């Protein structure tokens, strides 16, 4: 996993195979490139790179990704939770 390098969320779909530039929403920013979020729900991202509504129990690099402010918007927290900090 490269999750130890997680910094935020892309603001739009980008084909990285074409070396296109990307704009990243980092901690404190509001990412509007999400879908099907539940307002007020906290989300996490783990080793698999998926945004999930339930904190993963086993993960080497666990981050609190953010809190949904709308179905398509995530307030990015990017808070690292050390291994064993479950």
PDB file of N, CA and C in Angstrom:
ATOM      1  N   UNK A   1       0.826  -1.188   0.000  1.00  0.00           N
ATOM      2  CA  UNK A   1       0.000   0.000   0.000  1.00  0.00           C
ATOM      3  C   UNK A   1       0.868   1.248   0.000  1.00  0.00           C
ATOM      4  N   UNK A   2       0.377   2.299  -0.634  1.00  0.00           N
ATOM      5  CA  UNK A   2       1.075   3.583  -0.592  1.00  0.00           C
ATOM      6  C   UNK A   2       0.310   4.581   0.277  1.00  0.00           C
ATOM      7  N   UNK A   3      -0.538   4.081   1.158  1.00  0.00           N
ATOM      8  CA  UNK A   3      -1.367   4.965   1.977  1.00  0.00           C
ATOM      9  C   UNK A   3      -0.553   5.875   2.876  1.00  0.00           C
ATOM     10  N   UNK A   4       0.691   5.498   3.201  1.00  0.00           N
ATOM     11  CA  UNK A   4       1.516   6.361   4.036  1.00  0.00           C
ATOM     12  C   UNK A   4       1.803   7.687   3.336  1.00  0.00           C
ATOM     13  N   UNK A   5       1.510   7.755   2.035  1.00  0.00           N
ATOM     14  CA  UNK A   5       1.725   8.962   1.244  1.00  0.00           C
ATOM     15  C   UNK A   5       0.434   9.748   0.997  1.00  0.00           C
ATOM     16  N   UNK A   6      -0.664   9.355   1.632  1.00  0.00           N
ATOM     17  CA  UNK A   6      -1.959  10.005   1.427  1.00  0.00           C
ATOM     18  C   UNK A   6      -1.897  11.469   1.861  1.00  0.00           C
ATOM     19  N   UNK A   7      -2.353  12.383   0.986  1.00  0.00           N
ATOM     20  CA  UNK A   7      -2.379  13.802   1.346  1.00  0.00           C
ATOM     21  C   UNK A   7      -3.758  14.421   1.189  1.00  0.00           C
ATOM     22  N   UNK A   8      -4.630  13.811   0.389  1.00  0.00           N
ATOM     23  CA  UNK A   8      -5.950  14.384   0.184  1.00  0.00           C
ATOM     24  C   UNK A   8      -6.659  13.731  -0.983  1.00  0.00           C
ATOM     25  N   UNK A   9      -7.657  14.442  -1.512  1.00  0.00           N
ATOM     26  CA  UNK A   9      -8.508  13.904  -2.568  1.00  0.00           C
ATOM     27  C   UNK A   9      -8.433  14.763  -3.814  1.00  0.00           C
ATOM     28  N   UNK A  10      -8.442  14.110  -4.966  1.00  0.00           N
ATOM     29  CA  UNK A  10      -8.449  14.781  -6.247  1.00  0.00           C
ATOM     30  C   UNK A  10      -9.742  15.579  -6.400  1.00  0.00           C
ATOM     31  N   UNK A  11      -9.651  16.745  -7.011  1.00  0.00           N
ATOM     32  CA  UNK A  11     -10.844  17.575  -7.181  1.00  0.00           C
ATOM     33  C   UNK A  11     -11.659  17.191  -8.409  1.00  0.00           C
ATOM     34  N   UNK A  12     -11.092  16.385  -9.304  1.00  0.00           N
ATOM     35  CA  UNK A  12     -11.805  15.945 -10.504  1.00  0.00           C
ATOM     36  C   UNK A  12     -11.178  14.653 -11.005  1.00  0.00           C
ATOM     37  N   UNK A  13     -11.902  13.942 -11.831  1.00  0.00           N
ATOM     38  CA  UNK A  13     -11.357  12.716 -12.414  1.00  0.00           C
ATOM     39  C   UNK A  13     -10.198  13.071 -13.335  1.00  0.00           C
ATOM     40  N   UNK A  14      -9.071  12.403 -13.143  1.00  0.00           N
ATOM     41  CA  UNK A  14      -7.876  12.661 -13.952  1.00  0.00           C
ATOM     42  C   UNK A  14      -7.296  11.324 -14.380  1.00  0.00           C
ATOM     43  N   UNK A  15      -6.920  11.227 -15.642  1.00  0.00           N
ATOM     44  CA  UNK A  15      -6.268  10.021 -16.142  1.00  0.00           C
ATOM     45  C   UNK A  15      -4.776  10.154 -15.867  1.00  0.00           C
ATOM     46  N   UNK A  16      -4.318   9.498 -14.806  1.00  0.00           N
ATOM     47  CA  UNK A  16      -2.914   9.653 -14.418  1.00  0.00           C
ATOM     48  C   UNK A  16      -1.956   9.003 -15.405  1.00  0.00           C
ATOM     49  N   UNK A  17      -2.448   8.123 -16.274  1.00  0.00           N
ATOM     50  CA  UNK A  17      -1.578   7.491 -17.257  1.00  0.00           C
ATOM     51  C   UNK A  17      -1.136   8.481 -18.333  1.00  0.00           C
ATOM     52  N   UNK A  18      -1.798   9.622 -18.433  1.00  0.00           N
ATOM     53  CA  UNK A  18      -1.432  10.615 -19.439  1.00  0.00           C
ATOM     54  C   UNK A  18      -0.579  11.733 -18.844  1.00  0.00           C
ATOM     55  N   UNK A  19      -0.140  11.564 -17.600  1.00  0.00           N
ATOM     56  CA  UNK A  19       0.664  12.572 -16.899  1.00  0.00           C
ATOM     57  C   UNK A  19      -0.073  13.893 -16.743  1.00  0.00           C
ATOM     58  N   UNK A  20      -1.384  13.831 -16.704  1.00  0.00           N
ATOM     59  CA  UNK A  20      -2.188  15.039 -16.519  1.00  0.00           C
ATOM     60  C   UNK A  20      -1.962  15.605 -15.118  1.00  0.00           C
ATOM     61  N   UNK A  21      -2.106  16.896 -14.996  1.00  0.00           N
ATOM     62  CA  UNK A  21      -1.997  17.546 -13.695  1.00  0.00           C
ATOM     63  C   UNK A  21      -3.246  17.264 -12.878  1.00  0.00           C
ATOM     64  N   UNK A  22      -3.061  17.260 -11.570  1.00  0.00           N
ATOM     65  CA  UNK A  22      -4.195  17.047 -10.677  1.00  0.00           C
ATOM     66  C   UNK A  22      -4.187  18.131  -9.610  1.00  0.00           C
ATOM     67  N   UNK A  23      -5.374  18.498  -9.160  1.00  0.00           N
ATOM     68  CA  UNK A  23      -5.523  19.428  -8.047  1.00  0.00           C
ATOM     69  C   UNK A  23      -6.060  18.627  -6.884  1.00  0.00           C
ATOM     70  N   UNK A  24      -5.392  18.734  -5.723  1.00  0.00           N
ATOM     71  CA  UNK A  24      -5.729  17.919  -4.560  1.00  0.00           C
ATOM     72  C   UNK A  24      -6.314  18.795  -3.458  1.00  0.00           C
ATOM     73  N   UNK A  25      -7.426  18.353  -2.879  1.00  0.00           N
ATOM     74  CA  UNK A  25      -7.993  19.000  -1.699  1.00  0.00           C
ATOM     75  C   UNK A  25      -7.300  18.391  -0.487  1.00  0.00           C
ATOM     76  N   UNK A  26      -6.580  19.206   0.274  1.00  0.00           N
ATOM     77  CA  UNK A  26      -5.836  18.738   1.436  1.00  0.00           C
ATOM     78  C   UNK A  26      -6.586  19.082   2.722  1.00  0.00           C
ATOM     79  N   UNK A  27      -6.004  18.710   3.844  1.00  0.00           N
ATOM     80  CA  UNK A  27      -6.601  18.908   5.162  1.00  0.00           C
ATOM     81  C   UNK A  27      -7.162  20.327   5.315  1.00  0.00           C
ATOM     82  N   UNK A  28      -8.413  20.389   5.755  1.00  0.00           N
ATOM     83  CA  UNK A  28      -9.076  21.670   5.962  1.00  0.00           C
ATOM     84  C   UNK A  28      -9.886  22.151   4.771  1.00  0.00           C
ATOM     85  N   UNK A  29      -9.668  21.509   3.605  1.00  0.00           N
ATOM     86  CA  UNK A  29     -10.379  21.899   2.402  1.00  0.00           C
ATOM     87  C   UNK A  29     -11.671  21.116   2.228  1.00  0.00           C
ATOM     88  N   UNK A  30     -12.533  21.608   1.359  1.00  0.00           N
ATOM     89  CA  UNK A  30     -13.806  20.957   1.061  1.00  0.00           C
ATOM     90  C   UNK A  30     -13.722  20.322  -0.319  1.00  0.00           C
ATOM     91  N   UNK A  31     -13.684  18.987  -0.366  1.00  0.00           N
ATOM     92  CA  UNK A  31     -13.624  18.276  -1.629  1.00  0.00           C
ATOM     93  C   UNK A  31     -15.038  18.043  -2.132  1.00  0.00           C
ATOM     94  N   UNK A  32     -15.311  18.452  -3.369  1.00  0.00           N
ATOM     95  CA  UNK A  32     -16.641  18.345  -3.954  1.00  0.00           C
ATOM     96  C   UNK A  32     -16.699  17.286  -5.048  1.00  0.00           C
ATOM     97  N   UNK A  33     -15.788  16.327  -4.998  1.00  0.00           N
ATOM     98  CA  UNK A  33     -15.708  15.283  -6.016  1.00  0.00           C
ATOM     99  C   UNK A  33     -16.085  13.922  -5.432  1.00  0.00           C
ATOM    100  N   UNK A  34     -17.094  13.891  -4.586  1.00  0.00           N
ATOM    101  CA  UNK A  34     -17.538  12.661  -3.932  1.00  0.00           C
ATOM    102  C   UNK A  34     -18.962  12.336  -4.395  1.00  0.00           C
ATOM    103  N   UNK A  35     -19.440  11.188  -3.980  1.00  0.00           N
ATOM    104  CA  UNK A  35     -20.833  10.832  -4.295  1.00  0.00           C
ATOM    105  C   UNK A  35     -21.373   9.913  -3.208  1.00  0.00           C
ATOM    106  N   UNK A  36     -22.660   9.959  -3.030  1.00  0.00           N
ATOM    107  CA  UNK A  36     -23.389   9.063  -2.122  1.00  0.00           C
ATOM    108  C   UNK A  36     -22.919   9.117  -0.670  1.00  0.00           C
ATOM    109  N   UNK A  37     -22.499  10.278  -0.212  1.00  0.00           N
ATOM    110  CA  UNK A  37     -22.101  10.426   1.190  1.00  0.00           C
ATOM    111  C   UNK A  37     -23.327  10.724   2.046  1.00  0.00           C
ATOM    112  N   UNK A  38     -23.230  10.426   3.336  1.00  0.00           N
ATOM    113  CA  UNK A  38     -24.284  10.733   4.289  1.00  0.00           C
ATOM    114  C   UNK A  38     -23.850  11.952   5.092  1.00  0.00           C
ATOM    115  N   UNK A  39     -24.635  13.007   5.057  1.00  0.00           N
ATOM    116  CA  UNK A  39     -24.297  14.256   5.744  1.00  0.00           C
ATOM    117  C   UNK A  39     -24.053  13.989   7.232  1.00  0.00           C
ATOM    118  N   UNK A  40     -22.941  14.518   7.734  1.00  0.00           N
ATOM    119  CA  UNK A  40     -22.577  14.372   9.142  1.00  0.00           C
ATOM    120  C   UNK A  40     -21.792  13.108   9.453  1.00  0.00           C
ATOM    121  N   UNK A  41     -21.720  12.183   8.498  1.00  0.00           N
ATOM    122  CA  UNK A  41     -21.005  10.917   8.694  1.00  0.00           C
ATOM    123  C   UNK A  41     -19.498  11.139   8.578  1.00  0.00           C
ATOM    124  N   UNK A  42     -18.723  10.520   9.482  1.00  0.00           N
ATOM    125  CA  UNK A  42     -17.265  10.538   9.396  1.00  0.00           C
ATOM    126  C   UNK A  42     -16.848   9.394   8.475  1.00  0.00           C
ATOM    127  N   UNK A  43     -15.834   9.639   7.646  1.00  0.00           N
ATOM    128  CA  UNK A  43     -15.332   8.636   6.717  1.00  0.00           C
ATOM    129  C   UNK A  43     -13.852   8.398   6.955  1.00  0.00           C
ATOM    130  N   UNK A  44     -13.427   7.168   6.654  1.00  0.00           N
ATOM    131  CA  UNK A  44     -12.037   6.772   6.803  1.00  0.00           C
ATOM    132  C   UNK A  44     -11.516   6.267   5.475  1.00  0.00           C
ATOM    133  N   UNK A  45     -10.200   6.219   5.358  1.00  0.00           N
ATOM    134  CA  UNK A  45      -9.564   5.607   4.205  1.00  0.00           C
ATOM    135  C   UNK A  45      -8.443   4.729   4.731  1.00  0.00           C
ATOM    136  N   UNK A  46      -8.403   3.497   4.252  1.00  0.00           N
ATOM    137  CA  UNK A  46      -7.419   2.540   4.737  1.00  0.00           C
ATOM    138  C   UNK A  46      -6.488   2.074   3.642  1.00  0.00           C
ATOM    139  N   UNK A  47      -5.785   0.972   3.893  1.00  0.00           N
ATOM    140  CA  UNK A  47      -4.780   0.464   2.959  1.00  0.00           C
ATOM    141  C   UNK A  47      -5.310   0.222   1.551  1.00  0.00           C
ATOM    142  N   UNK A  48      -6.553  -0.176   1.418  1.00  0.00           N
ATOM    143  CA  UNK A  48      -7.106  -0.449   0.093  1.00  0.00           C
ATOM    144  C   UNK A  48      -7.405   0.800  -0.711  1.00  0.00           C
ATOM    145  N   UNK A  49      -7.355   1.969  -0.090  1.00  0.00           N
ATOM    146  CA  UNK A  49      -7.612   3.217  -0.790  1.00  0.00           C
ATOM    147  C   UNK A  49      -9.071   3.574  -0.927  1.00  0.00           C
ATOM    148  N   UNK A  50      -9.957   2.817  -0.294  1.00  0.00           N
ATOM    149  CA  UNK A  50     -11.389   3.085  -0.392  1.00  0.00           C
ATOM    150  C   UNK A  50     -11.840   4.021   0.719  1.00  0.00           C
ATOM    151  N   UNK A  51     -12.772   4.876   0.375  1.00  0.00           N
ATOM    152  CA  UNK A  51     -13.431   5.739   1.349  1.00  0.00           C
ATOM    153  C   UNK A  51     -14.572   4.929   1.954  1.00  0.00           C
ATOM    154  N   UNK A  52     -14.537   4.733   3.288  1.00  0.00           N
ATOM    155  CA  UNK A  52     -15.539   3.895   3.936  1.00  0.00           C
ATOM    156  C   UNK A  52     -16.148   4.606   5.142  1.00  0.00           C
ATOM    157  N   UNK A  53     -17.405   4.257   5.434  1.00  0.00           N
ATOM    158  CA  UNK A  53     -18.129   4.889   6.540  1.00  0.00           C
ATOM    159  C   UNK A  53     -17.898   4.186   7.878  1.00  0.00           C
ATOM    160  N   UNK A  54     -17.267   3.026   7.844  1.00  0.00           N
ATOM    161  CA  UNK A  54     -16.975   2.297   9.076  1.00  0.00           C
ATOM    162  C   UNK A  54     -15.455   2.195   9.223  1.00  0.00           C
ATOM    163  N   UNK A  55     -14.942   2.576  10.385  1.00  0.00           N
ATOM    164  CA  UNK A  55     -13.500   2.563  10.596  1.00  0.00           C
ATOM    165  C   UNK A  55     -12.960   1.153  10.412  1.00  0.00           C
ATOM    166  N   UNK A  56     -11.978   0.985   9.498  1.00  0.00           N
ATOM    167  CA  UNK A  56     -11.385  -0.340   9.303  1.00  0.00           C
ATOM    168  C   UNK A  56     -10.705  -0.812  10.585  1.00  0.00           C
ATOM    169  N   UNK A  57     -10.871  -2.073  10.900  1.00  0.00           N
ATOM    170  CA  UNK A  57     -10.275  -2.605  12.117  1.00  0.00           C
ATOM    171  C   UNK A  57      -8.799  -2.912  11.927  1.00  0.00           C
ATOM    172  N   UNK A  58      -8.448  -3.490  10.783  1.00  0.00           N
ATOM    173  CA  UNK A  58      -7.050  -3.826  10.500  1.00  0.00           C
ATOM    174  C   UNK A  58      -6.557  -2.967   9.352  1.00  0.00           C
ATOM    175  N   UNK A  59      -5.615  -2.113   9.633  1.00  0.00           N
ATOM    176  CA  UNK A  59      -5.033  -1.268   8.607  1.00  0.00           C
ATOM    177  C   UNK A  59      -3.688  -0.778   9.110  1.00  0.00           C
ATOM    178  N   UNK A  60      -2.694  -0.794   8.243  1.00  0.00           N
ATOM    179  CA  UNK A  60      -1.370  -0.328   8.655  1.00  0.00           C
ATOM    180  C   UNK A  60      -1.285   1.190   8.686  1.00  0.00           C
ATOM    181  N   UNK A  61      -1.955   1.832   7.765  1.00  0.00           N
ATOM    182  CA  UNK A  61      -1.931   3.288   7.677  1.00  0.00           C
ATOM    183  C   UNK A  61      -3.372   3.767   7.623  1.00  0.00           C
ATOM    184  N   UNK A  62      -3.930   4.118   8.765  1.00  0.00           N
ATOM    185  CA  UNK A  62      -5.334   4.491   8.837  1.00  0.00           C
ATOM    186  C   UNK A  62      -5.476   6.004   8.977  1.00  0.00           C
ATOM    187  N   UNK A  63      -6.351   6.567   8.169  1.00  0.00           N
ATOM    188  CA  UNK A  63      -6.608   7.995   8.203  1.00  0.00           C
ATOM    189  C   UNK A  63      -8.091   8.257   8.381  1.00  0.00           C
ATOM    190  N   UNK A  64      -8.428   9.224   9.242  1.00  0.00           N
ATOM    191  CA  UNK A  64      -9.774   9.759   9.241  1.00  0.00           C
ATOM    192  C   UNK A  64      -9.795  10.696   8.047  1.00  0.00           C
ATOM    193  N   UNK A  65     -10.540  10.324   7.022  1.00  0.00           N
ATOM    194  CA  UNK A  65     -10.518  11.065   5.769  1.00  0.00           C
ATOM    195  C   UNK A  65     -11.239  12.403   5.888  1.00  0.00           C
ATOM    196  N   UNK A  66     -12.426  12.373   6.513  1.00  0.00           N
ATOM    197  CA  UNK A  66     -13.181  13.609   6.618  1.00  0.00           C
ATOM    198  C   UNK A  66     -14.597  13.382   7.092  1.00  0.00           C
ATOM    199  N   UNK A  67     -15.357  14.458   7.048  1.00  0.00           N
ATOM    200  CA  UNK A  67     -16.761  14.448   7.445  1.00  0.00           C
ATOM    201  C   UNK A  67     -17.578  14.998   6.289  1.00  0.00           C
ATOM    202  N   UNK A  68     -18.651  14.280   5.949  1.00  0.00           N
ATOM    203  CA  UNK A  68     -19.508  14.707   4.846  1.00  0.00           C
ATOM    204  C   UNK A  68     -20.340  15.920   5.245  1.00  0.00           C
ATOM    205  N   UNK A  69     -20.308  16.943   4.408  1.00  0.00           N
ATOM    206  CA  UNK A  69     -21.134  18.131   4.628  1.00  0.00           C
ATOM    207  C   UNK A  69     -22.321  18.155   3.672  1.00  0.00           C
ATOM    208  N   UNK A  70     -22.269  17.285   2.658  1.00  0.00           N
ATOM    209  CA  UNK A  70     -23.340  17.107   1.673  1.00  0.00           C
ATOM    210  C   UNK A  70     -23.094  15.757   1.014  1.00  0.00           C
ATOM    211  N   UNK A  71     -24.011  15.312   0.198  1.00  0.00           N
ATOM    212  CA  UNK A  71     -23.871  14.012  -0.462  1.00  0.00           C
ATOM    213  C   UNK A  71     -22.652  13.955  -1.382  1.00  0.00           C
ATOM    214  N   UNK A  72     -22.170  15.112  -1.814  1.00  0.00           N
ATOM    215  CA  UNK A  72     -21.034  15.162  -2.742  1.00  0.00           C
ATOM    216  C   UNK A  72     -19.827  15.903  -2.174  1.00  0.00           C
ATOM    217  N   UNK A  73     -19.898  16.295  -0.894  1.00  0.00           N
ATOM    218  CA  UNK A  73     -18.825  17.123  -0.329  1.00  0.00           C
ATOM    219  C   UNK A  73     -18.250  16.516   0.949  1.00  0.00           C
ATOM    220  N   UNK A  74     -16.912  16.498   1.022  1.00  0.00           N
ATOM    221  CA  UNK A  74     -16.214  15.951   2.175  1.00  0.00           C
ATOM    222  C   UNK A  74     -15.249  17.002   2.719  1.00  0.00           C
ATOM    223  N   UNK A  75     -15.434  17.381   3.985  1.00  0.00           N
ATOM    224  CA  UNK A  75     -14.485  18.265   4.661  1.00  0.00           C
ATOM    225  C   UNK A  75     -13.290  17.386   5.021  1.00  0.00           C
ATOM    226  N   UNK A  76     -12.161  17.628   4.386  1.00  0.00           N
ATOM    227  CA  UNK A  76     -11.000  16.756   4.524  1.00  0.00           C
ATOM    228  C   UNK A  76     -10.314  16.981   5.867  1.00  0.00           C
ATOM    229  N   UNK A  77     -10.168  15.887   6.630  1.00  0.00           N
ATOM    230  CA  UNK A  77      -9.486  15.931   7.924  1.00  0.00           C
ATOM    231  C   UNK A  77      -8.059  15.414   7.816  1.00  0.00           C
ATOM    232  N   UNK A  78      -7.863  14.325   7.060  1.00  0.00           N
ATOM    233  CA  UNK A  78      -6.544  13.731   6.869  1.00  0.00           C
ATOM    234  C   UNK A  78      -5.803  13.552   8.190  1.00  0.00           C
ATOM    235  N   UNK A  79      -6.473  12.978   9.186  1.00  0.00           N
ATOM    236  CA  UNK A  79      -5.856  12.729  10.487  1.00  0.00           C
ATOM    237  C   UNK A  79      -5.343  11.294  10.533  1.00  0.00           C
ATOM    238  N   UNK A  80      -4.041  11.141  10.737  1.00  0.00           N
ATOM    239  CA  UNK A  80      -3.423   9.828  10.827  1.00  0.00           C
ATOM    240  C   UNK A  80      -3.718   9.194  12.166  1.00  0.00           C
ATOM    241  N   UNK A  81      -4.112   7.928  12.150  1.00  0.00           N
ATOM    242  CA  UNK A  81      -4.349   7.168  13.385  1.00  0.00           C
ATOM    243  C   UNK A  81      -3.265   6.093  13.427  1.00  0.00           C
ATOM    244  N   UNK A  82      -2.332   6.175  14.380  1.00  0.00           N
ATOM    245  CA  UNK A  82      -1.241   5.198  14.431  1.00  0.00           C
ATOM    246  C   UNK A  82      -1.747   3.775  14.555  1.00  0.00           C
ATOM    247  N   UNK A  83      -0.984   2.827  14.021  1.00  0.00           N
ATOM    248  CA  UNK A  83      -1.338   1.414  14.090  1.00  0.00           C
ATOM    249  C   UNK A  83      -1.573   1.049  15.563  1.00  0.00           C
ATOM    250  N   UNK A  84      -2.665   0.375  15.827  1.00  0.00           N
ATOM    251  CA  UNK A  84      -3.014   0.022  17.186  1.00  0.00           C
ATOM    252  C   UNK A  84      -3.873   1.081  17.857  1.00  0.00           C
ATOM    253  N   UNK A  85      -4.103   2.218  17.179  1.00  0.00           N
ATOM    254  CA  UNK A  85      -4.894   3.288  17.739  1.00  0.00           C
ATOM    255  C   UNK A  85      -6.372   3.116  17.484  1.00  0.00           C
ATOM    256  N   UNK A  86      -6.813   1.879  17.398  1.00  0.00           N
ATOM    257  CA  UNK A  86      -8.223   1.594  17.120  1.00  0.00           C
ATOM    258  C   UNK A  86      -8.957   1.687  18.408  1.00  0.00           C
TER     259      UNK A  86
END
